Amino acid sequence: MARRDMTFDQRLLAQRVSQSLDDVVAGLVGADNAEAFVAALEMNGAVWKEIQAYSPLMGWGVSSKTVDFALTASRRARHGIDDHAVEAIITINRRVAGKIGEAFSP
Protein backbone atom coordinates (compact mmCIF):
# COMPACT_ATOMS: atom_id res chain seq x y z
CA MET A 1 0.00 0.00 0.00
CA ALA A 2 1.49 3.30 -1.03
CA ARG A 3 1.89 5.98 1.61
CA ARG A 4 -0.44 8.40 -0.11
CA ASP A 5 -3.19 5.75 -0.12
CA MET A 6 -3.04 5.24 3.64
CA THR A 7 -5.61 6.76 5.94
CA PHE A 8 -4.60 8.66 9.04
CA ASP A 9 -5.56 5.65 11.19
CA GLN A 10 -3.42 3.32 9.08
CA ARG A 11 -0.43 5.65 9.39
CA LEU A 12 -1.02 5.88 13.14
CA LEU A 13 -1.11 2.07 13.42
CA ALA A 14 2.10 1.74 11.43
CA GLN A 15 3.79 4.36 13.61
CA ARG A 16 2.62 2.69 16.84
CA VAL A 17 3.75 -0.78 15.75
CA SER A 18 7.11 0.52 14.55
CA GLN A 19 7.67 2.37 17.83
CA SER A 20 6.63 -0.71 19.82
CA LEU A 21 9.26 -2.79 18.02
CA ASP A 22 11.87 -0.15 18.86
CA ASP A 23 10.68 -0.17 22.49
CA VAL A 24 11.10 -3.94 22.65
CA VAL A 25 14.66 -3.64 21.36
CA ALA A 26 15.42 -1.03 24.01
CA GLY A 27 13.87 -3.28 26.65
CA LEU A 28 15.91 -6.31 25.59
CA VAL A 29 19.17 -4.39 25.32
CA GLY A 30 18.60 -2.50 28.57
CA ALA A 31 17.19 -5.34 30.68
CA ASP A 32 19.13 -5.42 33.92
CA ASN A 33 17.36 -8.41 35.44
CA ALA A 34 15.46 -11.53 34.37
CA GLU A 35 12.04 -10.02 35.04
CA ALA A 36 12.72 -7.03 32.78
CA PHE A 37 14.06 -9.34 30.07
CA VAL A 38 11.02 -11.63 30.24
CA ALA A 39 8.70 -8.59 30.20
CA ALA A 40 10.42 -7.32 27.02
CA LEU A 41 10.01 -10.72 25.35
CA GLU A 42 6.35 -10.86 26.37
CA MET A 43 5.83 -7.38 24.92
CA ASN A 44 7.57 -8.62 21.78
CA GLY A 45 5.03 -11.43 21.50
CA ALA A 46 2.14 -8.99 21.79
CA VAL A 47 3.57 -6.71 19.12
CA TRP A 48 4.18 -9.62 16.77
CA LYS A 49 0.59 -10.82 17.21
CA GLU A 50 -0.46 -7.39 15.94
CA ILE A 51 1.96 -7.66 13.04
CA GLN A 52 0.58 -11.12 12.24
CA ALA A 53 -2.93 -9.68 12.13
CA TYR A 54 -2.28 -6.41 10.33
CA SER A 55 0.68 -6.98 8.00
CA PRO A 56 -1.31 -8.75 5.27
CA LEU A 57 -4.04 -6.10 5.41
CA MET A 58 -1.64 -3.16 5.52
CA GLY A 59 0.82 -4.40 2.91
CA TRP A 60 3.81 -4.25 5.23
CA GLY A 61 5.36 -7.29 3.54
CA VAL A 62 6.41 -9.16 6.68
CA SER A 63 6.73 -12.85 5.86
CA SER A 64 4.85 -15.49 7.81
CA LYS A 65 8.20 -17.19 8.47
CA THR A 66 9.48 -14.05 10.20
CA VAL A 67 6.26 -13.71 12.21
CA ASP A 68 6.38 -17.39 13.24
CA PHE A 69 10.01 -17.08 14.38
CA ALA A 70 9.31 -13.96 16.44
CA LEU A 71 6.24 -15.46 18.09
CA THR A 72 7.96 -18.76 18.86
CA ALA A 73 11.02 -17.04 20.31
CA SER A 74 8.83 -14.79 22.44
CA ARG A 75 6.92 -17.76 23.85
CA ARG A 76 10.20 -19.28 25.01
CA ALA A 77 10.77 -16.30 27.30
CA ARG A 78 10.10 -18.17 30.52
CA HIS A 79 11.74 -21.41 29.39
CA GLY A 80 15.11 -20.06 28.40
CA ILE A 81 16.18 -18.50 25.14
CA ASP A 82 19.68 -18.49 23.74
CA ASP A 83 21.71 -15.40 22.91
CA HIS A 84 21.57 -16.07 19.16
CA ALA A 85 17.76 -16.02 19.21
CA VAL A 86 17.76 -12.76 21.18
CA GLU A 87 20.18 -11.17 18.72
CA ALA A 88 17.99 -12.38 15.87
CA ILE A 89 14.90 -10.84 17.50
CA ILE A 90 16.72 -7.54 17.93
CA THR A 91 17.91 -7.54 14.31
CA ILE A 92 14.50 -8.54 12.95
CA ASN A 93 12.68 -5.97 15.08
CA ARG A 94 14.96 -3.19 13.88
CA ARG A 95 14.55 -4.24 10.24
CA VAL A 96 10.77 -4.59 10.43
CA ALA A 97 10.38 -1.35 12.42
CA GLY A 98 12.20 0.45 9.64
CA LYS A 99 10.10 -1.21 6.96
CA ILE A 100 6.82 -0.45 8.71
CA GLY A 101 8.10 3.02 9.61
CA GLU A 102 8.42 3.83 5.91
CA ALA A 103 4.63 3.62 5.72
CA PHE A 104 4.16 6.77 7.78
CA SER A 105 7.24 8.82 6.96
CA PRO A 106 6.79 11.88 4.76
PDB file of N, CA and C in Angstrom:
ATOM      1  N   MET A   1       0.848  -1.170   0.000  1.00  0.00           N
ATOM      2  CA  MET A   1       0.000   0.000   0.000  1.00  0.00           C
ATOM      3  C   MET A   1       0.900   1.241   0.000  1.00  0.00           C
ATOM      4  N   ALA A   2       0.686   2.096  -0.936  1.00  0.00           N
ATOM      5  CA  ALA A   2       1.493   3.304  -1.032  1.00  0.00           C
ATOM      6  C   ALA A   2       1.134   4.267   0.096  1.00  0.00           C
ATOM      7  N   ARG A   3       2.121   5.046   0.508  1.00  0.00           N
ATOM      8  CA  ARG A   3       1.893   5.984   1.612  1.00  0.00           C
ATOM      9  C   ARG A   3       0.717   6.912   1.353  1.00  0.00           C
ATOM     10  N   ARG A   4       0.617   7.414   0.173  1.00  0.00           N
ATOM     11  CA  ARG A   4      -0.435   8.395  -0.108  1.00  0.00           C
ATOM     12  C   ARG A   4      -1.828   7.770  -0.061  1.00  0.00           C
ATOM     13  N   ASP A   5      -1.910   6.444  -0.166  1.00  0.00           N
ATOM     14  CA  ASP A   5      -3.189   5.750  -0.121  1.00  0.00           C
ATOM     15  C   ASP A   5      -3.601   5.396   1.301  1.00  0.00           C
ATOM     16  N   MET A   6      -2.746   5.627   2.266  1.00  0.00           N
ATOM     17  CA  MET A   6      -3.043   5.243   3.642  1.00  0.00           C
ATOM     18  C   MET A   6      -3.891   6.301   4.327  1.00  0.00           C
ATOM     19  N   THR A   7      -4.822   5.829   5.138  1.00  0.00           N
ATOM     20  CA  THR A   7      -5.615   6.756   5.940  1.00  0.00           C
ATOM     21  C   THR A   7      -4.778   7.195   7.145  1.00  0.00           C
ATOM     22  N   PHE A   8      -5.279   8.189   7.827  1.00  0.00           N
ATOM     23  CA  PHE A   8      -4.603   8.661   9.038  1.00  0.00           C
ATOM     24  C   PHE A   8      -4.486   7.526  10.050  1.00  0.00           C
ATOM     25  N   ASP A   9      -5.570   6.760  10.232  1.00  0.00           N
ATOM     26  CA  ASP A   9      -5.560   5.655  11.188  1.00  0.00           C
ATOM     27  C   ASP A   9      -4.540   4.589  10.806  1.00  0.00           C
ATOM     28  N   GLN A  10      -4.405   4.306   9.529  1.00  0.00           N
ATOM     29  CA  GLN A  10      -3.420   3.324   9.080  1.00  0.00           C
ATOM     30  C   GLN A  10      -1.995   3.805   9.343  1.00  0.00           C
ATOM     31  N   ARG A  11      -1.755   5.093   9.097  1.00  0.00           N
ATOM     32  CA  ARG A  11      -0.431   5.651   9.389  1.00  0.00           C
ATOM     33  C   ARG A  11      -0.148   5.600  10.885  1.00  0.00           C
ATOM     34  N   LEU A  12      -1.161   5.907  11.680  1.00  0.00           N
ATOM     35  CA  LEU A  12      -1.017   5.877  13.138  1.00  0.00           C
ATOM     36  C   LEU A  12      -0.697   4.460  13.621  1.00  0.00           C
ATOM     37  N   LEU A  13      -1.383   3.470  13.076  1.00  0.00           N
ATOM     38  CA  LEU A  13      -1.115   2.074  13.423  1.00  0.00           C
ATOM     39  C   LEU A  13       0.316   1.696  13.057  1.00  0.00           C
ATOM     40  N   ALA A  14       0.738   2.054  11.865  1.00  0.00           N
ATOM     41  CA  ALA A  14       2.102   1.744  11.432  1.00  0.00           C
ATOM     42  C   ALA A  14       3.120   2.403  12.356  1.00  0.00           C
ATOM     43  N   GLN A  15       2.881   3.641  12.718  1.00  0.00           N
ATOM     44  CA  GLN A  15       3.788   4.357  13.611  1.00  0.00           C
ATOM     45  C   GLN A  15       3.840   3.691  14.983  1.00  0.00           C
ATOM     46  N   ARG A  16       2.674   3.307  15.512  1.00  0.00           N
ATOM     47  CA  ARG A  16       2.621   2.689  16.839  1.00  0.00           C
ATOM     48  C   ARG A  16       3.331   1.333  16.844  1.00  0.00           C
ATOM     49  N   VAL A  17       3.112   0.528  15.812  1.00  0.00           N
ATOM     50  CA  VAL A  17       3.755  -0.783  15.753  1.00  0.00           C
ATOM     51  C   VAL A  17       5.266  -0.632  15.589  1.00  0.00           C
ATOM     52  N   SER A  18       5.682   0.271  14.742  1.00  0.00           N
ATOM     53  CA  SER A  18       7.107   0.518  14.549  1.00  0.00           C
ATOM     54  C   SER A  18       7.763   0.972  15.851  1.00  0.00           C
ATOM     55  N   GLN A  19       7.135   1.890  16.554  1.00  0.00           N
ATOM     56  CA  GLN A  19       7.666   2.373  17.829  1.00  0.00           C
ATOM     57  C   GLN A  19       7.685   1.261  18.868  1.00  0.00           C
ATOM     58  N   SER A  20       6.674   0.413  18.868  1.00  0.00           N
ATOM     59  CA  SER A  20       6.633  -0.711  19.815  1.00  0.00           C
ATOM     60  C   SER A  20       7.781  -1.673  19.579  1.00  0.00           C
ATOM     61  N   LEU A  21       8.109  -1.932  18.319  1.00  0.00           N
ATOM     62  CA  LEU A  21       9.262  -2.789  18.020  1.00  0.00           C
ATOM     63  C   LEU A  21      10.552  -2.158  18.535  1.00  0.00           C
ATOM     64  N   ASP A  22      10.693  -0.854  18.340  1.00  0.00           N
ATOM     65  CA  ASP A  22      11.869  -0.146  18.860  1.00  0.00           C
ATOM     66  C   ASP A  22      11.912  -0.207  20.388  1.00  0.00           C
ATOM     67  N   ASP A  23      10.745  -0.091  21.028  1.00  0.00           N
ATOM     68  CA  ASP A  23      10.680  -0.166  22.491  1.00  0.00           C
ATOM     69  C   ASP A  23      11.096  -1.549  22.995  1.00  0.00           C
ATOM     70  N   VAL A  24      10.698  -2.585  22.276  1.00  0.00           N
ATOM     71  CA  VAL A  24      11.101  -3.945  22.653  1.00  0.00           C
ATOM     72  C   VAL A  24      12.610  -4.083  22.570  1.00  0.00           C
ATOM     73  N   VAL A  25      13.200  -3.581  21.504  1.00  0.00           N
ATOM     74  CA  VAL A  25      14.659  -3.645  21.358  1.00  0.00           C
ATOM     75  C   VAL A  25      15.324  -2.948  22.538  1.00  0.00           C
ATOM     76  N   ALA A  26      14.849  -1.755  22.870  1.00  0.00           N
ATOM     77  CA  ALA A  26      15.422  -1.032  24.011  1.00  0.00           C
ATOM     78  C   ALA A  26      15.249  -1.823  25.298  1.00  0.00           C
ATOM     79  N   GLY A  27      14.100  -2.470  25.457  1.00  0.00           N
ATOM     80  CA  GLY A  27      13.865  -3.280  26.647  1.00  0.00           C
ATOM     81  C   GLY A  27      14.781  -4.486  26.734  1.00  0.00           C
ATOM     82  N   LEU A  28      15.024  -5.144  25.605  1.00  0.00           N
ATOM     83  CA  LEU A  28      15.910  -6.306  25.593  1.00  0.00           C
ATOM     84  C   LEU A  28      17.355  -5.902  25.852  1.00  0.00           C
ATOM     85  N   VAL A  29      17.780  -4.850  25.179  1.00  0.00           N
ATOM     86  CA  VAL A  29      19.169  -4.390  25.323  1.00  0.00           C
ATOM     87  C   VAL A  29      19.411  -3.841  26.728  1.00  0.00           C
ATOM     88  N   GLY A  30      18.418  -3.159  27.283  1.00  0.00           N
ATOM     89  CA  GLY A  30      18.603  -2.502  28.570  1.00  0.00           C
ATOM     90  C   GLY A  30      18.158  -3.309  29.778  1.00  0.00           C
ATOM     91  N   ALA A  31      17.668  -4.527  29.553  1.00  0.00           N
ATOM     92  CA  ALA A  31      17.186  -5.338  30.682  1.00  0.00           C
ATOM     93  C   ALA A  31      18.320  -5.599  31.662  1.00  0.00           C
ATOM     94  N   ASP A  32      18.083  -5.232  32.918  1.00  0.00           N
ATOM     95  CA  ASP A  32      19.129  -5.420  33.924  1.00  0.00           C
ATOM     96  C   ASP A  32      18.797  -6.542  34.902  1.00  0.00           C
ATOM     97  N   ASN A  33      17.692  -7.243  34.631  1.00  0.00           N
ATOM     98  CA  ASN A  33      17.358  -8.414  35.442  1.00  0.00           C
ATOM     99  C   ASN A  33      16.451  -9.330  34.622  1.00  0.00           C
ATOM    100  N   ALA A  34      16.242 -10.527  35.115  1.00  0.00           N
ATOM    101  CA  ALA A  34      15.465 -11.528  34.372  1.00  0.00           C
ATOM    102  C   ALA A  34      14.021 -11.084  34.162  1.00  0.00           C
ATOM    103  N   GLU A  35      13.435 -10.450  35.157  1.00  0.00           N
ATOM    104  CA  GLU A  35      12.042 -10.017  35.037  1.00  0.00           C
ATOM    105  C   GLU A  35      11.871  -8.987  33.920  1.00  0.00           C
ATOM    106  N   ALA A  36      12.788  -8.045  33.835  1.00  0.00           N
ATOM    107  CA  ALA A  36      12.720  -7.030  32.785  1.00  0.00           C
ATOM    108  C   ALA A  36      12.914  -7.665  31.405  1.00  0.00           C
ATOM    109  N   PHE A  37      13.801  -8.640  31.325  1.00  0.00           N
ATOM    110  CA  PHE A  37      14.064  -9.340  30.072  1.00  0.00           C
ATOM    111  C   PHE A  37      12.828 -10.120  29.626  1.00  0.00           C
ATOM    112  N   VAL A  38      12.224 -10.856  30.546  1.00  0.00           N
ATOM    113  CA  VAL A  38      11.018 -11.629  30.235  1.00  0.00           C
ATOM    114  C   VAL A  38       9.884 -10.690  29.838  1.00  0.00           C
ATOM    115  N   ALA A  39       9.745  -9.563  30.529  1.00  0.00           N
ATOM    116  CA  ALA A  39       8.705  -8.587  30.195  1.00  0.00           C
ATOM    117  C   ALA A  39       8.893  -8.062  28.770  1.00  0.00           C
ATOM    118  N   ALA A  40      10.138  -7.801  28.377  1.00  0.00           N
ATOM    119  CA  ALA A  40      10.416  -7.323  27.015  1.00  0.00           C
ATOM    120  C   ALA A  40      10.052  -8.393  25.987  1.00  0.00           C
ATOM    121  N   LEU A  41      10.371  -9.654  26.278  1.00  0.00           N
ATOM    122  CA  LEU A  41      10.008 -10.724  25.351  1.00  0.00           C
ATOM    123  C   LEU A  41       8.495 -10.917  25.276  1.00  0.00           C
ATOM    124  N   GLU A  42       7.811 -10.753  26.390  1.00  0.00           N
ATOM    125  CA  GLU A  42       6.350 -10.856  26.369  1.00  0.00           C
ATOM    126  C   GLU A  42       5.732  -9.713  25.568  1.00  0.00           C
ATOM    127  N   MET A  43       6.292  -8.516  25.722  1.00  0.00           N
ATOM    128  CA  MET A  43       5.832  -7.385  24.921  1.00  0.00           C
ATOM    129  C   MET A  43       6.092  -7.663  23.439  1.00  0.00           C
ATOM    130  N   ASN A  44       7.239  -8.268  23.154  1.00  0.00           N
ATOM    131  CA  ASN A  44       7.569  -8.623  21.782  1.00  0.00           C
ATOM    132  C   ASN A  44       6.494  -9.539  21.195  1.00  0.00           C
ATOM    133  N   GLY A  45       6.067 -10.525  21.977  1.00  0.00           N
ATOM    134  CA  GLY A  45       5.028 -11.430  21.502  1.00  0.00           C
ATOM    135  C   GLY A  45       3.741 -10.700  21.174  1.00  0.00           C
ATOM    136  N   ALA A  46       3.367  -9.758  22.024  1.00  0.00           N
ATOM    137  CA  ALA A  46       2.137  -8.992  21.791  1.00  0.00           C
ATOM    138  C   ALA A  46       2.235  -8.150  20.521  1.00  0.00           C
ATOM    139  N   VAL A  47       3.383  -7.530  20.315  1.00  0.00           N
ATOM    140  CA  VAL A  47       3.575  -6.706  19.118  1.00  0.00           C
ATOM    141  C   VAL A  47       3.526  -7.586  17.868  1.00  0.00           C
ATOM    142  N   TRP A  48       4.160  -8.741  17.943  1.00  0.00           N
ATOM    143  CA  TRP A  48       4.176  -9.624  16.774  1.00  0.00           C
ATOM    144  C   TRP A  48       2.819 -10.240  16.487  1.00  0.00           C
ATOM    145  N   LYS A  49       1.969 -10.378  17.475  1.00  0.00           N
ATOM    146  CA  LYS A  49       0.592 -10.818  17.213  1.00  0.00           C
ATOM    147  C   LYS A  49      -0.139  -9.747  16.408  1.00  0.00           C
ATOM    148  N   GLU A  50       0.126  -8.478  16.725  1.00  0.00           N
ATOM    149  CA  GLU A  50      -0.459  -7.388  15.936  1.00  0.00           C
ATOM    150  C   GLU A  50       0.071  -7.405  14.510  1.00  0.00           C
ATOM    151  N   ILE A  51       1.376  -7.612  14.379  1.00  0.00           N
ATOM    152  CA  ILE A  51       1.963  -7.659  13.038  1.00  0.00           C
ATOM    153  C   ILE A  51       1.356  -8.812  12.248  1.00  0.00           C
ATOM    154  N   GLN A  52       1.184  -9.954  12.896  1.00  0.00           N
ATOM    155  CA  GLN A  52       0.579 -11.116  12.242  1.00  0.00           C
ATOM    156  C   GLN A  52      -0.821 -10.768  11.718  1.00  0.00           C
ATOM    157  N   ALA A  53      -1.572 -10.034  12.513  1.00  0.00           N
ATOM    158  CA  ALA A  53      -2.934  -9.679  12.134  1.00  0.00           C
ATOM    159  C   ALA A  53      -2.992  -8.592  11.057  1.00  0.00           C
ATOM    160  N   TYR A  54      -2.149  -7.579  11.188  1.00  0.00           N
ATOM    161  CA  TYR A  54      -2.276  -6.406  10.328  1.00  0.00           C
ATOM    162  C   TYR A  54      -1.377  -6.390   9.098  1.00  0.00           C
ATOM    163  N   SER A  55      -0.259  -7.058   9.124  1.00  0.00           N
ATOM    164  CA  SER A  55       0.676  -6.982   8.003  1.00  0.00           C
ATOM    165  C   SER A  55       0.042  -7.339   6.664  1.00  0.00           C
ATOM    166  N   PRO A  56      -0.707  -8.430   6.572  1.00  0.00           N
ATOM    167  CA  PRO A  56      -1.306  -8.750   5.272  1.00  0.00           C
ATOM    168  C   PRO A  56      -2.308  -7.682   4.806  1.00  0.00           C
ATOM    169  N   LEU A  57      -3.037  -7.111   5.750  1.00  0.00           N
ATOM    170  CA  LEU A  57      -4.040  -6.099   5.407  1.00  0.00           C
ATOM    171  C   LEU A  57      -3.406  -4.766   5.036  1.00  0.00           C
ATOM    172  N   MET A  58      -2.286  -4.462   5.692  1.00  0.00           N
ATOM    173  CA  MET A  58      -1.644  -3.160   5.523  1.00  0.00           C
ATOM    174  C   MET A  58      -0.574  -3.154   4.429  1.00  0.00           C
ATOM    175  N   GLY A  59      -0.198  -4.328   3.954  1.00  0.00           N
ATOM    176  CA  GLY A  59       0.817  -4.402   2.910  1.00  0.00           C
ATOM    177  C   GLY A  59       2.224  -4.136   3.411  1.00  0.00           C
ATOM    178  N   TRP A  60       2.487  -4.494   4.669  1.00  0.00           N
ATOM    179  CA  TRP A  60       3.811  -4.252   5.234  1.00  0.00           C
ATOM    180  C   TRP A  60       4.859  -5.226   4.705  1.00  0.00           C
ATOM    181  N   GLY A  61       4.427  -6.352   4.150  1.00  0.00           N
ATOM    182  CA  GLY A  61       5.355  -7.294   3.538  1.00  0.00           C
ATOM    183  C   GLY A  61       6.197  -8.091   4.522  1.00  0.00           C
ATOM    184  N   VAL A  62       5.683  -8.355   5.701  1.00  0.00           N
ATOM    185  CA  VAL A  62       6.413  -9.158   6.682  1.00  0.00           C
ATOM    186  C   VAL A  62       6.026 -10.618   6.449  1.00  0.00           C
ATOM    187  N   SER A  63       7.013 -11.455   6.205  1.00  0.00           N
ATOM    188  CA  SER A  63       6.732 -12.849   5.861  1.00  0.00           C
ATOM    189  C   SER A  63       6.176 -13.629   7.046  1.00  0.00           C
ATOM    190  N   SER A  64       5.397 -14.649   6.747  1.00  0.00           N
ATOM    191  CA  SER A  64       4.848 -15.490   7.809  1.00  0.00           C
ATOM    192  C   SER A  64       5.966 -16.241   8.526  1.00  0.00           C
ATOM    193  N   LYS A  65       7.052 -16.526   7.836  1.00  0.00           N
ATOM    194  CA  LYS A  65       8.198 -17.194   8.467  1.00  0.00           C
ATOM    195  C   LYS A  65       8.817 -16.292   9.540  1.00  0.00           C
ATOM    196  N   THR A  66       8.942 -15.013   9.238  1.00  0.00           N
ATOM    197  CA  THR A  66       9.479 -14.052  10.203  1.00  0.00           C
ATOM    198  C   THR A  66       8.540 -13.926  11.403  1.00  0.00           C
ATOM    199  N   VAL A  67       7.253 -13.823  11.126  1.00  0.00           N
ATOM    200  CA  VAL A  67       6.263 -13.712  12.208  1.00  0.00           C
ATOM    201  C   VAL A  67       6.319 -14.953  13.091  1.00  0.00           C
ATOM    202  N   ASP A  68       6.343 -16.136  12.476  1.00  0.00           N
ATOM    203  CA  ASP A  68       6.381 -17.385  13.243  1.00  0.00           C
ATOM    204  C   ASP A  68       7.618 -17.462  14.131  1.00  0.00           C
ATOM    205  N   PHE A  69       8.774 -17.060  13.584  1.00  0.00           N
ATOM    206  CA  PHE A  69      10.006 -17.080  14.383  1.00  0.00           C
ATOM    207  C   PHE A  69       9.879 -16.155  15.590  1.00  0.00           C
ATOM    208  N   ALA A  70       9.416 -14.934  15.349  1.00  0.00           N
ATOM    209  CA  ALA A  70       9.313 -13.956  16.445  1.00  0.00           C
ATOM    210  C   ALA A  70       8.339 -14.418  17.519  1.00  0.00           C
ATOM    211  N   LEU A  71       7.220 -14.982  17.112  1.00  0.00           N
ATOM    212  CA  LEU A  71       6.238 -15.458  18.090  1.00  0.00           C
ATOM    213  C   LEU A  71       6.762 -16.655  18.870  1.00  0.00           C
ATOM    214  N   THR A  72       7.409 -17.585  18.187  1.00  0.00           N
ATOM    215  CA  THR A  72       7.961 -18.762  18.858  1.00  0.00           C
ATOM    216  C   THR A  72       9.049 -18.368  19.842  1.00  0.00           C
ATOM    217  N   ALA A  73       9.950 -17.491  19.426  1.00  0.00           N
ATOM    218  CA  ALA A  73      11.024 -17.041  20.309  1.00  0.00           C
ATOM    219  C   ALA A  73      10.461 -16.315  21.525  1.00  0.00           C
ATOM    220  N   SER A  74       9.426 -15.527  21.330  1.00  0.00           N
ATOM    221  CA  SER A  74       8.826 -14.790  22.440  1.00  0.00           C
ATOM    222  C   SER A  74       8.170 -15.728  23.441  1.00  0.00           C
ATOM    223  N   ARG A  75       7.559 -16.793  22.956  1.00  0.00           N
ATOM    224  CA  ARG A  75       6.915 -17.763  23.852  1.00  0.00           C
ATOM    225  C   ARG A  75       7.930 -18.513  24.708  1.00  0.00           C
ATOM    226  N   ARG A  76       9.165 -18.589  24.247  1.00  0.00           N
ATOM    227  CA  ARG A  76      10.201 -19.284  25.007  1.00  0.00           C
ATOM    228  C   ARG A  76      10.775 -18.430  26.130  1.00  0.00           C
ATOM    229  N   ALA A  77      10.225 -17.257  26.332  1.00  0.00           N
ATOM    230  CA  ALA A  77      10.775 -16.304  27.298  1.00  0.00           C
ATOM    231  C   ALA A  77      10.969 -16.898  28.685  1.00  0.00           C
ATOM    232  N   ARG A  78      10.018 -17.626  29.165  1.00  0.00           N
ATOM    233  CA  ARG A  78      10.096 -18.173  30.521  1.00  0.00           C
ATOM    234  C   ARG A  78      10.815 -19.516  30.575  1.00  0.00           C
ATOM    235  N   HIS A  79      11.128 -20.083  29.430  1.00  0.00           N
ATOM    236  CA  HIS A  79      11.738 -21.413  29.390  1.00  0.00           C
ATOM    237  C   HIS A  79      13.195 -21.372  28.947  1.00  0.00           C
ATOM    238  N   GLY A  80      13.716 -20.200  28.809  1.00  0.00           N
ATOM    239  CA  GLY A  80      15.113 -20.058  28.398  1.00  0.00           C
ATOM    240  C   GLY A  80      15.212 -19.820  26.902  1.00  0.00           C
ATOM    241  N   ILE A  81      15.982 -18.858  26.545  1.00  0.00           N
ATOM    242  CA  ILE A  81      16.182 -18.504  25.139  1.00  0.00           C
ATOM    243  C   ILE A  81      17.660 -18.202  24.976  1.00  0.00           C
ATOM    244  N   ASP A  82      18.247 -18.680  23.890  1.00  0.00           N
ATOM    245  CA  ASP A  82      19.684 -18.494  23.736  1.00  0.00           C
ATOM    246  C   ASP A  82      20.010 -17.108  23.168  1.00  0.00           C
ATOM    247  N   ASP A  83      21.262 -16.733  23.331  1.00  0.00           N
ATOM    248  CA  ASP A  83      21.714 -15.404  22.909  1.00  0.00           C
ATOM    249  C   ASP A  83      21.532 -15.173  21.413  1.00  0.00           C
ATOM    250  N   HIS A  84      21.717 -16.218  20.615  1.00  0.00           N
ATOM    251  CA  HIS A  84      21.572 -16.070  19.165  1.00  0.00           C
ATOM    252  C   HIS A  84      20.132 -15.716  18.794  1.00  0.00           C
ATOM    253  N   ALA A  85      19.167 -16.328  19.473  1.00  0.00           N
ATOM    254  CA  ALA A  85      17.762 -16.022  19.206  1.00  0.00           C
ATOM    255  C   ALA A  85      17.441 -14.584  19.613  1.00  0.00           C
ATOM    256  N   VAL A  86      17.988 -14.142  20.738  1.00  0.00           N
ATOM    257  CA  VAL A  86      17.757 -12.759  21.185  1.00  0.00           C
ATOM    258  C   VAL A  86      18.350 -11.779  20.184  1.00  0.00           C
ATOM    259  N   GLU A  87      19.555 -12.049  19.734  1.00  0.00           N
ATOM    260  CA  GLU A  87      20.180 -11.174  18.723  1.00  0.00           C
ATOM    261  C   GLU A  87      19.359 -11.158  17.437  1.00  0.00           C
ATOM    262  N   ALA A  88      18.821 -12.317  17.069  1.00  0.00           N
ATOM    263  CA  ALA A  88      17.986 -12.385  15.867  1.00  0.00           C
ATOM    264  C   ALA A  88      16.717 -11.551  16.053  1.00  0.00           C
ATOM    265  N   ILE A  89      16.097 -11.642  17.223  1.00  0.00           N
ATOM    266  CA  ILE A  89      14.897 -10.844  17.500  1.00  0.00           C
ATOM    267  C   ILE A  89      15.222  -9.357  17.392  1.00  0.00           C
ATOM    268  N   ILE A  90      16.323  -8.949  17.977  1.00  0.00           N
ATOM    269  CA  ILE A  90      16.717  -7.536  17.932  1.00  0.00           C
ATOM    270  C   ILE A  90      16.923  -7.086  16.490  1.00  0.00           C
ATOM    271  N   THR A  91      17.639  -7.880  15.709  1.00  0.00           N
ATOM    272  CA  THR A  91      17.906  -7.544  14.309  1.00  0.00           C
ATOM    273  C   THR A  91      16.617  -7.486  13.498  1.00  0.00           C
ATOM    274  N   ILE A  92      15.770  -8.492  13.681  1.00  0.00           N
ATOM    275  CA  ILE A  92      14.499  -8.535  12.946  1.00  0.00           C
ATOM    276  C   ILE A  92      13.613  -7.366  13.345  1.00  0.00           C
ATOM    277  N   ASN A  93      13.521  -7.090  14.639  1.00  0.00           N
ATOM    278  CA  ASN A  93      12.682  -5.974  15.083  1.00  0.00           C
ATOM    279  C   ASN A  93      13.149  -4.655  14.484  1.00  0.00           C
ATOM    280  N   ARG A  94      14.441  -4.437  14.458  1.00  0.00           N
ATOM    281  CA  ARG A  94      14.962  -3.193  13.876  1.00  0.00           C
ATOM    282  C   ARG A  94      14.637  -3.106  12.389  1.00  0.00           C
ATOM    283  N   ARG A  95      14.809  -4.227  11.681  1.00  0.00           N
ATOM    284  CA  ARG A  95      14.552  -4.241  10.240  1.00  0.00           C
ATOM    285  C   ARG A  95      13.071  -4.006   9.953  1.00  0.00           C
ATOM    286  N   VAL A  96      12.209  -4.714  10.667  1.00  0.00           N
ATOM    287  CA  VAL A  96      10.773  -4.594  10.433  1.00  0.00           C
ATOM    288  C   VAL A  96      10.255  -3.229  10.887  1.00  0.00           C
ATOM    289  N   ALA A  97      10.784  -2.698  11.980  1.00  0.00           N
ATOM    290  CA  ALA A  97      10.380  -1.354  12.424  1.00  0.00           C
ATOM    291  C   ALA A  97      10.690  -0.333  11.336  1.00  0.00           C
ATOM    292  N   GLY A  98      11.841  -0.462  10.728  1.00  0.00           N
ATOM    293  CA  GLY A  98      12.204   0.453   9.640  1.00  0.00           C
ATOM    294  C   GLY A  98      11.285   0.298   8.438  1.00  0.00           C
ATOM    295  N   LYS A  99      10.979  -0.940   8.101  1.00  0.00           N
ATOM    296  CA  LYS A  99      10.102  -1.213   6.961  1.00  0.00           C
ATOM    297  C   LYS A  99       8.698  -0.666   7.192  1.00  0.00           C
ATOM    298  N   ILE A 100       8.157  -0.938   8.373  1.00  0.00           N
ATOM    299  CA  ILE A 100       6.822  -0.447   8.711  1.00  0.00           C
ATOM    300  C   ILE A 100       6.855   1.080   8.859  1.00  0.00           C
ATOM    301  N   GLY A 101       7.946   1.573   9.421  1.00  0.00           N
ATOM    302  CA  GLY A 101       8.104   3.015   9.607  1.00  0.00           C
ATOM    303  C   GLY A 101       8.052   3.797   8.305  1.00  0.00           C
ATOM    304  N   GLU A 102       8.475   3.166   7.223  1.00  0.00           N
ATOM    305  CA  GLU A 102       8.419   3.833   5.913  1.00  0.00           C
ATOM    306  C   GLU A 102       6.989   4.155   5.511  1.00  0.00           C
ATOM    307  N   ALA A 103       6.038   3.413   6.073  1.00  0.00           N
ATOM    308  CA  ALA A 103       4.634   3.616   5.721  1.00  0.00           C
ATOM    309  C   ALA A 103       4.096   4.962   6.212  1.00  0.00           C
ATOM    310  N   PHE A 104       4.690   5.515   7.252  1.00  0.00           N
ATOM    311  CA  PHE A 104       4.156   6.770   7.782  1.00  0.00           C
ATOM    312  C   PHE A 104       5.111   7.935   7.641  1.00  0.00           C
ATOM    313  N   SER A 105       6.304   7.693   7.093  1.00  0.00           N
ATOM    314  CA  SER A 105       7.238   8.821   6.962  1.00  0.00           C
ATOM    315  C   SER A 105       6.864   9.667   5.755  1.00  0.00           C
ATOM    316  N   PRO A 106       7.179  10.954   5.840  1.00  0.00           N
ATOM    317  CA  PRO A 106       6.792  11.883   4.758  1.00  0.00           C
ATOM    318  C   PRO A 106       7.511  11.604   3.463  1.00  0.00           C
TER     319      PRO A 106
END
